[in-house]
Amino acid sequence: ARMAGMTVPLTAAHWEILHFIRAYHARFRHLPNNRMFVKAVGKTLGQEKGNSRYLNALFAGSPVKHACLLAGLPKPPGCI
């Protein structure tokens, strides 16, 4: 996480999202774009976590891109 530019340590909330994106990738064999990511998190973990504000607070900028990077997954579609 430090090499990816995160200055705060990973919390349980971060790990919950990282485990979620790994499970999503294992199940569907692809990665979601940002909109699909937010909706999938909301459906699985609840609306309080499945919204852009919450995810941006954890992973500033592009939540799905940073979550994939930290989870050891390839870049999601639409990321440069």
N, C-alpha and C. Protein backbone atom coordinates (compact mmCIF):
# COMPACT_ATOMS: atom_id res chain seq x y z
N ALA A 1 0.83 -1.19 0.00
CA ALA A 1 0.00 0.00 0.00
C ALA A 1 0.87 1.25 0.00
N ARG A 2 1.95 1.19 0.73
CA ARG A 2 2.84 2.35 0.79
C ARG A 2 3.46 2.62 -0.59
N MET A 3 3.81 1.56 -1.31
CA MET A 3 4.39 1.72 -2.65
C MET A 3 3.37 2.29 -3.63
N ALA A 4 2.08 2.07 -3.37
CA ALA A 4 1.02 2.59 -4.23
C ALA A 4 0.66 4.03 -3.89
N GLY A 5 1.31 4.59 -2.87
CA GLY A 5 1.09 5.99 -2.53
C GLY A 5 0.13 6.22 -1.38
N MET A 6 -0.34 5.15 -0.72
CA MET A 6 -1.23 5.34 0.43
C MET A 6 -0.40 5.74 1.64
N THR A 7 -0.85 6.77 2.31
CA THR A 7 -0.12 7.25 3.48
C THR A 7 -0.71 6.76 4.78
N VAL A 8 -1.90 6.18 4.73
CA VAL A 8 -2.54 5.66 5.94
C VAL A 8 -2.47 4.13 5.90
N PRO A 9 -2.40 3.50 7.07
CA PRO A 9 -2.38 2.03 7.08
C PRO A 9 -3.73 1.46 6.66
N LEU A 10 -3.71 0.26 6.12
CA LEU A 10 -4.95 -0.40 5.73
C LEU A 10 -5.72 -0.82 6.97
N THR A 11 -6.99 -0.47 6.99
CA THR A 11 -7.87 -0.80 8.11
C THR A 11 -8.73 -2.00 7.75
N ALA A 12 -9.55 -2.43 8.67
CA ALA A 12 -10.49 -3.53 8.40
C ALA A 12 -11.46 -3.15 7.28
N ALA A 13 -11.82 -1.88 7.19
CA ALA A 13 -12.72 -1.42 6.12
C ALA A 13 -12.05 -1.57 4.75
N HIS A 14 -10.76 -1.24 4.67
CA HIS A 14 -10.02 -1.43 3.43
C HIS A 14 -9.98 -2.91 3.05
N TRP A 15 -9.64 -3.73 4.03
CA TRP A 15 -9.52 -5.16 3.76
C TRP A 15 -10.85 -5.78 3.34
N GLU A 16 -11.93 -5.29 3.88
CA GLU A 16 -13.25 -5.79 3.48
C GLU A 16 -13.48 -5.56 1.99
N ILE A 17 -13.12 -4.39 1.50
CA ILE A 17 -13.28 -4.07 0.08
C ILE A 17 -12.28 -4.87 -0.76
N LEU A 18 -11.06 -5.03 -0.29
CA LEU A 18 -10.07 -5.81 -1.02
C LEU A 18 -10.49 -7.27 -1.15
N HIS A 19 -11.02 -7.84 -0.08
CA HIS A 19 -11.52 -9.22 -0.15
C HIS A 19 -12.73 -9.30 -1.08
N PHE A 20 -13.56 -8.28 -1.05
CA PHE A 20 -14.72 -8.26 -1.94
C PHE A 20 -14.29 -8.27 -3.40
N ILE A 21 -13.34 -7.40 -3.78
CA ILE A 21 -12.96 -7.30 -5.19
C ILE A 21 -12.25 -8.57 -5.65
N ARG A 22 -11.49 -9.21 -4.76
CA ARG A 22 -10.87 -10.49 -5.11
C ARG A 22 -11.93 -11.57 -5.35
N ALA A 23 -12.93 -11.62 -4.49
CA ALA A 23 -14.01 -12.60 -4.65
C ALA A 23 -14.81 -12.32 -5.92
N TYR A 24 -15.06 -11.05 -6.21
CA TYR A 24 -15.78 -10.67 -7.42
C TYR A 24 -15.02 -11.16 -8.65
N HIS A 25 -13.73 -10.91 -8.68
CA HIS A 25 -12.91 -11.33 -9.81
C HIS A 25 -12.88 -12.85 -9.94
N ALA A 26 -12.76 -13.56 -8.84
CA ALA A 26 -12.74 -15.02 -8.88
C ALA A 26 -14.07 -15.58 -9.38
N ARG A 27 -15.16 -14.96 -9.00
CA ARG A 27 -16.48 -15.46 -9.38
C ARG A 27 -16.83 -15.16 -10.83
N PHE A 28 -16.60 -13.92 -11.25
CA PHE A 28 -17.04 -13.49 -12.58
C PHE A 28 -15.95 -13.49 -13.64
N ARG A 29 -14.68 -13.67 -13.24
CA ARG A 29 -13.53 -13.70 -14.14
C ARG A 29 -13.35 -12.41 -14.94
N HIS A 30 -13.81 -11.31 -14.42
CA HIS A 30 -13.57 -9.99 -14.99
C HIS A 30 -13.67 -8.98 -13.86
N LEU A 31 -13.27 -7.76 -14.14
CA LEU A 31 -13.35 -6.69 -13.15
C LEU A 31 -14.40 -5.67 -13.58
N PRO A 32 -15.10 -5.11 -12.61
CA PRO A 32 -16.14 -4.14 -12.95
C PRO A 32 -15.56 -2.77 -13.24
N ASN A 33 -16.33 -1.96 -13.97
CA ASN A 33 -15.95 -0.55 -14.06
C ASN A 33 -16.39 0.12 -12.76
N ASN A 34 -16.10 1.40 -12.60
CA ASN A 34 -16.36 2.06 -11.32
C ASN A 34 -17.84 2.03 -10.92
N ARG A 35 -18.73 2.28 -11.87
CA ARG A 35 -20.18 2.29 -11.56
C ARG A 35 -20.65 0.90 -11.13
N MET A 36 -20.23 -0.13 -11.85
CA MET A 36 -20.61 -1.49 -11.49
C MET A 36 -20.03 -1.88 -10.12
N PHE A 37 -18.82 -1.40 -9.85
CA PHE A 37 -18.16 -1.69 -8.58
C PHE A 37 -18.97 -1.14 -7.40
N VAL A 38 -19.38 0.11 -7.51
CA VAL A 38 -20.16 0.74 -6.44
C VAL A 38 -21.47 -0.02 -6.23
N LYS A 39 -22.15 -0.38 -7.32
CA LYS A 39 -23.41 -1.11 -7.20
C LYS A 39 -23.21 -2.50 -6.61
N ALA A 40 -22.15 -3.19 -7.02
CA ALA A 40 -21.89 -4.53 -6.51
C ALA A 40 -21.55 -4.50 -5.02
N VAL A 41 -20.77 -3.51 -4.61
CA VAL A 41 -20.45 -3.37 -3.18
C VAL A 41 -21.74 -3.12 -2.40
N GLY A 42 -22.60 -2.25 -2.90
CA GLY A 42 -23.87 -1.96 -2.23
C GLY A 42 -24.76 -3.17 -2.11
N LYS A 43 -24.81 -3.97 -3.15
CA LYS A 43 -25.64 -5.17 -3.14
C LYS A 43 -25.12 -6.21 -2.16
N THR A 44 -23.81 -6.33 -2.06
CA THR A 44 -23.20 -7.36 -1.22
C THR A 44 -22.96 -6.89 0.22
N LEU A 45 -22.44 -5.69 0.38
CA LEU A 45 -22.04 -5.22 1.71
C LEU A 45 -22.99 -4.20 2.32
N GLY A 46 -23.99 -3.78 1.57
CA GLY A 46 -24.96 -2.82 2.08
C GLY A 46 -24.75 -1.44 1.51
N GLN A 47 -25.83 -0.66 1.47
CA GLN A 47 -25.81 0.66 0.87
C GLN A 47 -24.91 1.66 1.60
N GLU A 48 -24.68 1.46 2.91
CA GLU A 48 -23.81 2.38 3.62
C GLU A 48 -22.36 2.26 3.14
N LYS A 49 -22.00 1.11 2.56
CA LYS A 49 -20.66 0.92 2.01
C LYS A 49 -20.65 0.99 0.49
N GLY A 50 -21.79 0.79 -0.11
CA GLY A 50 -21.89 0.80 -1.56
C GLY A 50 -22.28 2.15 -2.10
N ASN A 51 -21.49 3.15 -1.77
CA ASN A 51 -21.71 4.48 -2.33
C ASN A 51 -20.36 5.14 -2.60
N SER A 52 -20.35 6.07 -3.49
CA SER A 52 -19.10 6.70 -3.94
C SER A 52 -18.37 7.43 -2.81
N ARG A 53 -19.11 8.06 -1.92
CA ARG A 53 -18.47 8.80 -0.82
C ARG A 53 -17.65 7.88 0.07
N TYR A 54 -18.25 6.77 0.47
CA TYR A 54 -17.56 5.82 1.34
C TYR A 54 -16.33 5.25 0.65
N LEU A 55 -16.49 4.81 -0.59
CA LEU A 55 -15.37 4.18 -1.31
C LEU A 55 -14.27 5.17 -1.63
N ASN A 56 -14.63 6.42 -1.97
CA ASN A 56 -13.61 7.44 -2.21
C ASN A 56 -12.87 7.81 -0.93
N ALA A 57 -13.52 7.72 0.21
CA ALA A 57 -12.84 8.00 1.47
C ALA A 57 -11.78 6.93 1.76
N LEU A 58 -12.04 5.70 1.34
CA LEU A 58 -11.08 4.62 1.54
C LEU A 58 -9.98 4.64 0.49
N PHE A 59 -10.39 4.80 -0.76
CA PHE A 59 -9.47 4.74 -1.90
C PHE A 59 -9.67 6.00 -2.74
N ALA A 60 -8.96 7.05 -2.40
CA ALA A 60 -9.13 8.34 -3.07
C ALA A 60 -8.84 8.25 -4.56
N GLY A 61 -9.59 9.03 -5.32
CA GLY A 61 -9.40 9.05 -6.77
C GLY A 61 -10.33 8.08 -7.46
N SER A 62 -9.82 6.94 -7.81
CA SER A 62 -10.60 5.90 -8.47
C SER A 62 -10.63 4.67 -7.56
N PRO A 63 -11.70 4.48 -6.79
CA PRO A 63 -11.74 3.38 -5.83
C PRO A 63 -11.47 2.01 -6.44
N VAL A 64 -12.08 1.72 -7.58
CA VAL A 64 -11.90 0.39 -8.16
C VAL A 64 -10.46 0.20 -8.64
N LYS A 65 -9.86 1.23 -9.19
CA LYS A 65 -8.48 1.13 -9.66
C LYS A 65 -7.53 0.87 -8.50
N HIS A 66 -7.67 1.64 -7.42
CA HIS A 66 -6.78 1.48 -6.28
C HIS A 66 -7.04 0.17 -5.54
N ALA A 67 -8.29 -0.24 -5.45
CA ALA A 67 -8.61 -1.51 -4.81
C ALA A 67 -8.01 -2.67 -5.59
N CYS A 68 -8.10 -2.62 -6.91
CA CYS A 68 -7.52 -3.68 -7.74
C CYS A 68 -6.00 -3.71 -7.59
N LEU A 69 -5.38 -2.55 -7.59
CA LEU A 69 -3.93 -2.47 -7.43
C LEU A 69 -3.49 -3.09 -6.11
N LEU A 70 -4.16 -2.73 -5.03
CA LEU A 70 -3.80 -3.24 -3.71
C LEU A 70 -4.15 -4.72 -3.54
N ALA A 71 -5.17 -5.18 -4.27
CA ALA A 71 -5.58 -6.57 -4.18
C ALA A 71 -4.75 -7.48 -5.08
N GLY A 72 -3.85 -6.89 -5.88
CA GLY A 72 -3.01 -7.69 -6.76
C GLY A 72 -3.71 -8.14 -8.02
N LEU A 73 -4.71 -7.38 -8.44
CA LEU A 73 -5.49 -7.71 -9.64
C LEU A 73 -5.09 -6.77 -10.77
N PRO A 74 -5.42 -7.15 -12.03
CA PRO A 74 -5.13 -6.24 -13.15
C PRO A 74 -5.99 -4.98 -13.09
N LYS A 75 -5.65 -4.02 -13.91
CA LYS A 75 -6.44 -2.79 -14.00
C LYS A 75 -7.83 -3.11 -14.49
N PRO A 76 -8.85 -2.46 -13.93
CA PRO A 76 -10.22 -2.67 -14.40
C PRO A 76 -10.44 -1.97 -15.74
N PRO A 77 -11.54 -2.28 -16.42
CA PRO A 77 -11.82 -1.65 -17.71
C PRO A 77 -11.98 -0.14 -17.57
N GLY A 78 -11.49 0.57 -18.54
CA GLY A 78 -11.63 2.01 -18.55
C GLY A 78 -10.55 2.75 -17.81
N CYS A 79 -9.61 2.05 -17.18
CA CYS A 79 -8.52 2.71 -16.45
C CYS A 79 -7.31 2.85 -17.36
N ILE A 80 -6.71 4.00 -17.27
CA ILE A 80 -5.52 4.27 -18.10
C ILE A 80 -4.28 4.02 -17.27
